[in-house]
C-alpha atoms as a PDB file:
ATOM      1  CA  MET A   1      12.824 -15.367  43.374  1.00  0.00           C
ATOM      2  CA  THR A   2      16.556 -16.101  43.198  1.00  0.00           C
ATOM      3  CA  ASP A   3      19.268 -13.506  43.611  1.00  0.00           C
ATOM      4  CA  THR A   4      20.057 -13.866  39.915  1.00  0.00           C
ATOM      5  CA  THR A   5      16.508 -13.209  38.708  1.00  0.00           C
ATOM      6  CA  ALA A   6      16.212 -10.256  41.097  1.00  0.00           C
ATOM      7  CA  LYS A   7      19.458  -8.871  39.656  1.00  0.00           C
ATOM      8  CA  GLN A   8      18.126  -9.399  36.134  1.00  0.00           C
ATOM      9  CA  ALA A   9      14.983  -7.441  37.021  1.00  0.00           C
ATOM     10  CA  ASP A  10      17.146  -4.686  38.546  1.00  0.00           C
ATOM     11  CA  TRP A  11      19.296  -4.526  35.401  1.00  0.00           C
ATOM     12  CA  ILE A  12      16.209  -4.202  33.197  1.00  0.00           C
ATOM     13  CA  ALA A  13      14.615  -1.596  35.479  1.00  0.00           C
ATOM     14  CA  SER A  14      17.852   0.423  35.412  1.00  0.00           C
ATOM     15  CA  LYS A  15      17.311   0.888  31.656  1.00  0.00           C
ATOM     16  CA  VAL A  16      13.901   2.482  32.223  1.00  0.00           C
ATOM     17  CA  ASN A  17      14.644   6.133  32.983  1.00  0.00           C
ATOM     18  CA  TYR A  18      11.111   7.522  32.976  1.00  0.00           C
ATOM     19  CA  GLU A  19       7.963   7.202  35.069  1.00  0.00           C
ATOM     20  CA  VAL A  20       6.107   3.966  34.451  1.00  0.00           C
ATOM     21  CA  LYS A  21       2.340   3.856  34.918  1.00  0.00           C
ATOM     22  CA  HIS A  22       1.316   1.011  32.606  1.00  0.00           C
ATOM     23  CA  VAL A  23       3.162  -2.316  32.456  1.00  0.00           C
ATOM     24  CA  LEU A  24       2.341  -5.324  30.311  1.00  0.00           C
ATOM     25  CA  ASP A  25       3.796  -8.618  31.558  1.00  0.00           C
ATOM     26  CA  MET A  26       3.499 -11.234  28.816  1.00  0.00           C
ATOM     27  CA  GLY A  27       3.827 -14.606  30.540  1.00  0.00           C
ATOM     28  CA  PHE A  28       2.503 -14.672  34.124  1.00  0.00           C
ATOM     29  CA  ASN A  29       3.340 -18.321  34.978  1.00  0.00           C
ATOM     30  CA  HIS A  30       3.640 -18.162  38.811  1.00  0.00           C
ATOM     31  CA  GLY A  31       3.669 -14.360  38.948  1.00  0.00           C
ATOM     32  CA  THR A  32       7.369 -13.859  39.641  1.00  0.00           C
ATOM     33  CA  SER A  33       7.949 -11.254  36.953  1.00  0.00           C
ATOM     34  CA  THR A  34       4.653  -9.531  37.762  1.00  0.00           C
ATOM     35  CA  ILE A  35       5.864  -9.086  41.341  1.00  0.00           C
ATOM     36  CA  TRP A  36       9.208  -7.776  40.049  1.00  0.00           C
ATOM     37  CA  TRP A  37       7.490  -4.985  38.127  1.00  0.00           C
ATOM     38  CA  LEU A  38       5.031  -4.164  40.910  1.00  0.00           C
ATOM     39  CA  GLN A  39       8.026  -3.682  43.227  1.00  0.00           C
ATOM     40  CA  ARG A  40      10.247  -1.791  40.812  1.00  0.00           C
ATOM     41  CA  PHE A  41       7.519   0.458  39.385  1.00  0.00           C
ATOM     42  CA  PRO A  42       5.473   1.370  42.492  1.00  0.00           C
ATOM     43  CA  ASN A  43       3.121   3.755  40.662  1.00  0.00           C
ATOM     44  CA  ALA A  44       2.288   1.339  37.862  1.00  0.00           C
ATOM     45  CA  LYS A  45      -0.618  -0.928  37.093  1.00  0.00           C
ATOM     46  CA  VAL A  46       0.622  -4.293  35.828  1.00  0.00           C
ATOM     47  CA  ARG A  47      -1.472  -6.318  33.405  1.00  0.00           C
ATOM     48  CA  SER A  48      -0.292  -9.915  33.032  1.00  0.00           C
ATOM     49  CA  ILE A  49      -1.259 -12.290  30.252  1.00  0.00           C
ATOM     50  CA  ASP A  50      -0.964 -16.070  30.213  1.00  0.00           C
ATOM     51  CA  ASN A  51      -2.840 -18.848  28.458  1.00  0.00           C
ATOM     52  CA  VAL A  52      -2.426 -21.231  31.411  1.00  0.00           C
ATOM     53  CA  PRO A  53      -3.806 -19.508  34.502  1.00  0.00           C
ATOM     54  CA  ILE A  54      -2.749 -20.807  37.915  1.00  0.00           C
ATOM     55  CA  PRO A  55      -5.595 -19.561  40.150  1.00  0.00           C
ATOM     56  CA  GLN A  56      -3.755 -19.702  43.485  1.00  0.00           C
ATOM     57  CA  ASP A  57      -0.838 -17.664  42.098  1.00  0.00           C
ATOM     58  CA  ILE A  58      -3.179 -15.113  40.539  1.00  0.00           C
ATOM     59  CA  GLU A  59      -5.017 -14.760  43.855  1.00  0.00           C
ATOM     60  CA  GLN A  60      -1.741 -14.339  45.736  1.00  0.00           C
ATOM     61  CA  VAL A  61      -0.581 -11.514  43.468  1.00  0.00           C
ATOM     62  CA  GLN A  62      -4.067  -9.942  43.576  1.00  0.00           C
ATOM     63  CA  LYS A  63      -3.908  -9.840  47.389  1.00  0.00           C
ATOM     64  CA  LEU A  64      -0.454  -8.277  47.245  1.00  0.00           C
ATOM     65  CA  ALA A  65      -1.202  -5.688  44.564  1.00  0.00           C
ATOM     66  CA  GLY A  66      -4.935  -4.970  44.769  1.00  0.00           C
ATOM     67  CA  ASP A  67      -6.135  -2.832  41.882  1.00  0.00           C
ATOM     68  CA  ARG A  68      -2.566  -2.387  40.587  1.00  0.00           C
ATOM     69  CA  PHE A  69      -2.803  -5.871  39.043  1.00  0.00           C
ATOM     70  CA  GLU A  70      -5.012  -7.388  36.365  1.00  0.00           C
ATOM     71  CA  PHE A  71      -4.767 -10.908  34.938  1.00  0.00           C
ATOM     72  CA  ILE A  72      -5.824 -11.544  31.348  1.00  0.00           C
ATOM     73  CA  GLU A  73      -6.218 -15.123  30.153  1.00  0.00           C
ATOM     74  CA  GLY A  74      -5.268 -15.862  26.568  1.00  0.00           C
ATOM     75  CA  ASP A  75      -2.522 -16.338  24.008  1.00  0.00           C
ATOM     76  CA  THR A  76      -0.219 -13.337  24.261  1.00  0.00           C
ATOM     77  CA  GLN A  77       0.307 -13.184  20.488  1.00  0.00           C
ATOM     78  CA  PHE A  78      -3.354 -12.387  19.947  1.00  0.00           C
ATOM     79  CA  VAL A  79      -4.718 -10.913  23.192  1.00  0.00           C
ATOM     80  CA  VAL A  80      -2.345  -7.940  23.254  1.00  0.00           C
ATOM     81  CA  ASP A  81      -4.134  -6.288  20.345  1.00  0.00           C
ATOM     82  CA  GLU A  82      -7.417  -6.308  22.271  1.00  0.00           C
ATOM     83  CA  ILE A  83      -6.041  -4.271  25.182  1.00  0.00           C
ATOM     84  CA  PRO A  84      -6.825  -0.566  24.633  1.00  0.00           C
ATOM     85  CA  THR A  85      -3.838   0.669  26.666  1.00  0.00           C
ATOM     86  CA  ILE A  86      -0.510   1.918  25.325  1.00  0.00           C
ATOM     87  CA  PHE A  87       2.160   0.662  27.728  1.00  0.00           C
ATOM     88  CA  ASP A  88       5.218   2.399  29.155  1.00  0.00           C
ATOM     89  CA  PHE A  89       7.052  -0.892  29.653  1.00  0.00           C
ATOM     90  CA  ILE A  90       6.486  -4.403  28.296  1.00  0.00           C
ATOM     91  CA  TYR A  91       8.153  -7.616  29.429  1.00  0.00           C
ATOM     92  CA  ILE A  92       8.092 -10.941  27.550  1.00  0.00           C
ATOM     93  CA  ASP A  93       8.830 -14.325  29.127  1.00  0.00           C
ATOM     94  CA  THR A  94       6.577 -16.877  27.428  1.00  0.00           C
ATOM     95  CA  ALA A  95       7.218 -19.628  24.888  1.00  0.00           C
ATOM     96  CA  HIS A  96      10.856 -19.694  23.923  1.00  0.00           C
ATOM     97  CA  ASP A  97      10.648 -20.621  20.276  1.00  0.00           C
ATOM     98  CA  ARG A  98      11.695 -18.252  17.514  1.00  0.00           C
ATOM     99  CA  LEU A  99       8.307 -17.925  15.801  1.00  0.00           C
ATOM    100  CA  THR A 100       6.225 -17.266  18.924  1.00  0.00           C
ATOM    101  CA  THR A 101       8.783 -14.813  20.293  1.00  0.00           C
ATOM    102  CA  PHE A 102       8.932 -12.933  16.993  1.00  0.00           C
ATOM    103  CA  ARG A 103       5.137 -12.686  16.830  1.00  0.00           C
ATOM    104  CA  GLU A 104       4.990 -11.475  20.434  1.00  0.00           C
ATOM    105  CA  LEU A 105       7.593  -8.806  19.712  1.00  0.00           C
ATOM    106  CA  VAL A 106       5.480  -7.598  16.778  1.00  0.00           C
ATOM    107  CA  ALA A 107       2.306  -7.554  18.892  1.00  0.00           C
ATOM    108  CA  ALA A 108       4.015  -5.828  21.824  1.00  0.00           C
ATOM    109  CA  TRP A 109       5.736  -3.183  19.676  1.00  0.00           C
ATOM    110  CA  SER A 110       2.410  -1.751  18.520  1.00  0.00           C
ATOM    111  CA  LYS A 111       1.343  -1.349  22.179  1.00  0.00           C
ATOM    112  CA  LEU A 112       4.577   0.245  23.428  1.00  0.00           C
ATOM    113  CA  LYS A 113       4.747   4.015  23.779  1.00  0.00           C
ATOM    114  CA  GLN A 114       7.340   5.973  21.838  1.00  0.00           C
ATOM    115  CA  GLY A 115      10.307   6.242  24.183  1.00  0.00           C
ATOM    116  CA  GLY A 116       9.360   2.979  25.927  1.00  0.00           C
ATOM    117  CA  VAL A 117      11.299  -0.177  26.706  1.00  0.00           C
ATOM    118  CA  LEU A 118      10.397  -3.704  25.616  1.00  0.00           C
ATOM    119  CA  ALA A 119      12.333  -6.286  27.626  1.00  0.00           C
ATOM    120  CA  GLY A 120      12.470 -10.011  28.009  1.00  0.00           C
ATOM    121  CA  HIS A 121      14.062 -13.057  29.548  1.00  0.00           C
ATOM    122  CA  ASP A 122      15.993 -16.079  28.268  1.00  0.00           C
ATOM    123  CA  TYR A 123      17.866 -14.326  25.472  1.00  0.00           C
ATOM    124  CA  HIS A 124      20.647 -16.951  25.718  1.00  0.00           C
ATOM    125  CA  TYR A 125      18.467 -19.927  26.668  1.00  0.00           C
ATOM    126  CA  LYS A 126      19.222 -22.928  24.439  1.00  0.00           C
ATOM    127  CA  GLY A 127      16.579 -25.372  25.667  1.00  0.00           C
ATOM    128  CA  ASP A 128      16.947 -28.375  27.925  1.00  0.00           C
ATOM    129  CA  SER A 129      15.508 -31.839  28.409  1.00  0.00           C
ATOM    130  CA  CYS A 130      13.342 -30.680  31.329  1.00  0.00           C
ATOM    131  CA  ARG A 131      11.419 -28.300  29.056  1.00  0.00           C
ATOM    132  CA  PRO A 132      10.987 -29.959  25.645  1.00  0.00           C
ATOM    133  CA  ASN A 133       8.344 -27.381  24.638  1.00  0.00           C
ATOM    134  CA  TRP A 134      10.889 -24.578  25.061  1.00  0.00           C
ATOM    135  CA  PRO A 135      13.337 -25.044  22.195  1.00  0.00           C
ATOM    136  CA  GLY A 136      15.250 -21.924  23.147  1.00  0.00           C
ATOM    137  CA  ASP A 137      15.561 -19.524  20.250  1.00  0.00           C
ATOM    138  CA  VAL A 138      14.627 -16.176  21.770  1.00  0.00           C
ATOM    139  CA  LYS A 139      17.959 -14.709  20.655  1.00  0.00           C
ATOM    140  CA  THR A 140      17.301 -15.292  16.954  1.00  0.00           C
ATOM    141  CA  ALA A 141      13.814 -13.753  17.163  1.00  0.00           C
ATOM    142  CA  VAL A 142      15.074 -10.673  19.033  1.00  0.00           C
ATOM    143  CA  ASP A 143      18.038 -10.212  16.692  1.00  0.00           C
ATOM    144  CA  GLU A 144      15.856 -10.519  13.572  1.00  0.00           C
ATOM    145  CA  PHE A 145      13.169  -8.205  14.935  1.00  0.00           C
ATOM    146  CA  CYS A 146      15.646  -5.501  15.933  1.00  0.00           C
ATOM    147  CA  LYS A 147      17.541  -5.724  12.658  1.00  0.00           C
ATOM    148  CA  TYR A 148      14.358  -5.492  10.625  1.00  0.00           C
ATOM    149  CA  MET A 149      12.922  -2.636  12.682  1.00  0.00           C
ATOM    150  CA  GLY A 150      16.227  -0.767  12.848  1.00  0.00           C
ATOM    151  CA  VAL A 151      16.120  -0.374  16.626  1.00  0.00           C
ATOM    152  CA  ARG A 152      18.836  -0.632  19.216  1.00  0.00           C
ATOM    153  CA  PHE A 153      18.894  -3.204  21.968  1.00  0.00           C
ATOM    154  CA  GLU A 154      21.107  -4.447  24.776  1.00  0.00           C
ATOM    155  CA  THR A 155      21.588  -7.811  26.411  1.00  0.00           C
ATOM    156  CA  ASP A 156      23.270  -8.980  29.584  1.00  0.00           C
ATOM    157  CA  VAL A 157      23.728 -12.336  31.272  1.00  0.00           C
ATOM    158  CA  VAL A 158      23.481 -10.797  34.774  1.00  0.00           C
ATOM    159  CA  ASP A 159      25.123 -13.706  36.653  1.00  0.00           C
ATOM    160  CA  ASP A 160      23.482 -16.414  34.514  1.00  0.00           C
ATOM    161  CA  PRO A 161      24.937 -17.071  31.059  1.00  0.00           C
ATOM    162  CA  THR A 162      22.302 -19.757  30.391  1.00  0.00           C
ATOM    163  CA  THR A 163      19.395 -17.301  30.422  1.00  0.00           C
ATOM    164  CA  GLY A 164      20.214 -13.627  30.035  1.00  0.00           C
ATOM    165  CA  VAL A 165      17.897 -10.690  29.468  1.00  0.00           C
ATOM    166  CA  PHE A 166      17.351  -8.124  26.738  1.00  0.00           C
ATOM    167  CA  VAL A 167      15.953  -4.606  26.398  1.00  0.00           C
ATOM    168  CA  ILE A 168      14.765  -3.047  23.132  1.00  0.00           C
ATOM    169  CA  TYR A 169      14.393   0.714  22.933  1.00  0.00           C
ATOM    170  CA  LYS A 170      11.568   2.447  21.082  1.00  0.00           C
ATOM    171  CA  ASP A 171      13.392   5.673  21.625  1.00  0.00           C
ATOM    172  CA  TYR A 172      14.333   9.134  20.598  1.00  0.00           C
ATOM    173  CA  GLY A 173      17.617  10.146  18.988  1.00  0.00           C
ATOM    174  CA  LYS A 174      20.227  12.273  20.767  1.00  0.00           C
ATOM    175  CA  ASP A 175      18.768  15.399  19.190  1.00  0.00           C
ATOM    176  CA  GLY A 176      15.353  14.683  20.708  1.00  0.00           C
ATOM    177  CA  ALA A 177      13.843  13.567  17.412  1.00  0.00           C
ATOM    178  CA  ILE A 178      12.065  10.264  17.168  1.00  0.00           C
ATOM    179  CA  ARG A 179      14.547   7.657  15.972  1.00  0.00           C
ATOM    180  CA  ALA A 180      13.556   6.512  12.500  1.00  0.00           C
ATOM    181  CA  THR A 181      12.340   2.927  12.521  1.00  0.00           C
ATOM    182  CA  LYS A 182      10.370   0.877  10.104  1.00  0.00           C
ATOM    183  CA  SER A 183       6.691   0.764  10.858  1.00  0.00           C
ATOM    184  CA  SER A 184       5.322  -2.444  12.295  1.00  0.00           C
ATOM    185  CA  MET A 185       1.776  -1.444  11.338  1.00  0.00           C
ATOM    186  CA  PHE A 186       1.714  -3.830   8.395  1.00  0.00           C
ATOM    187  CA  LEU A 187       3.064  -6.745  10.451  1.00  0.00           C
ATOM    188  CA  LYS A 188       0.540  -9.271  11.673  1.00  0.00           C
ATOM    189  CA  PRO A 189       0.991 -11.637  14.627  1.00  0.00           C
ATOM    190  CA  THR A 190       0.786 -14.519  12.149  1.00  0.00           C
ATOM    191  CA  ASP A 191       3.772 -13.282  10.114  1.00  0.00           C
ATOM    192  CA  THR A 192       6.929 -15.340  10.259  1.00  0.00           C
ATOM    193  CA  PRO A 193      10.482 -14.004  10.614  1.00  0.00           C
ATOM    194  CA  SER A 194      11.469 -15.547   7.276  1.00  0.00           C
ATOM    195  CA  LYS A 195       8.996 -13.226   5.515  1.00  0.00           C
ATOM    196  CA  PHE A 196      11.491 -10.396   6.003  1.00  0.00           C
ATOM    197  CA  HIS A 197      14.651 -11.992   4.591  1.00  0.00           C
END
């Protein structure tokens, strides 16, 4: 883990001002972000989803975390719905295209507790020749989702303007009332962002 990614994780964690017991990490890859959340939320169980499991990395995190970690194999857009837990905190770092990111935001939102934080990586990522399958349009998906849902969010580059991170708040208003947002109950993971324009 680089200093920059550790700082990004710290910035995100600083936005979570409540006790976290259930974390969903969408996009395990080598387990870096899973380890971030295990370290920053010491009382939490972290469930990580990825459709390309790397057994040695899963085993390494399992040894480190014990029963505080569970790996779930599958496509994050569709597997999330099958998990019976409502999560305190959800982190997305998977495919970086607009459509997949939008669908993952929809899926994650229904599993996030009221007052929770949904965060992610690569808000400013534009794609590169080393990763042709990552076109880099997380920003558009996040912006469209938040505009449609009427929710507030923050972003920061945290020492790396090529990636950046975001946090979306499913929060309460200043008066303690639940902030009015549009319901995502009618959204399906197969919906496209253009459906809402």
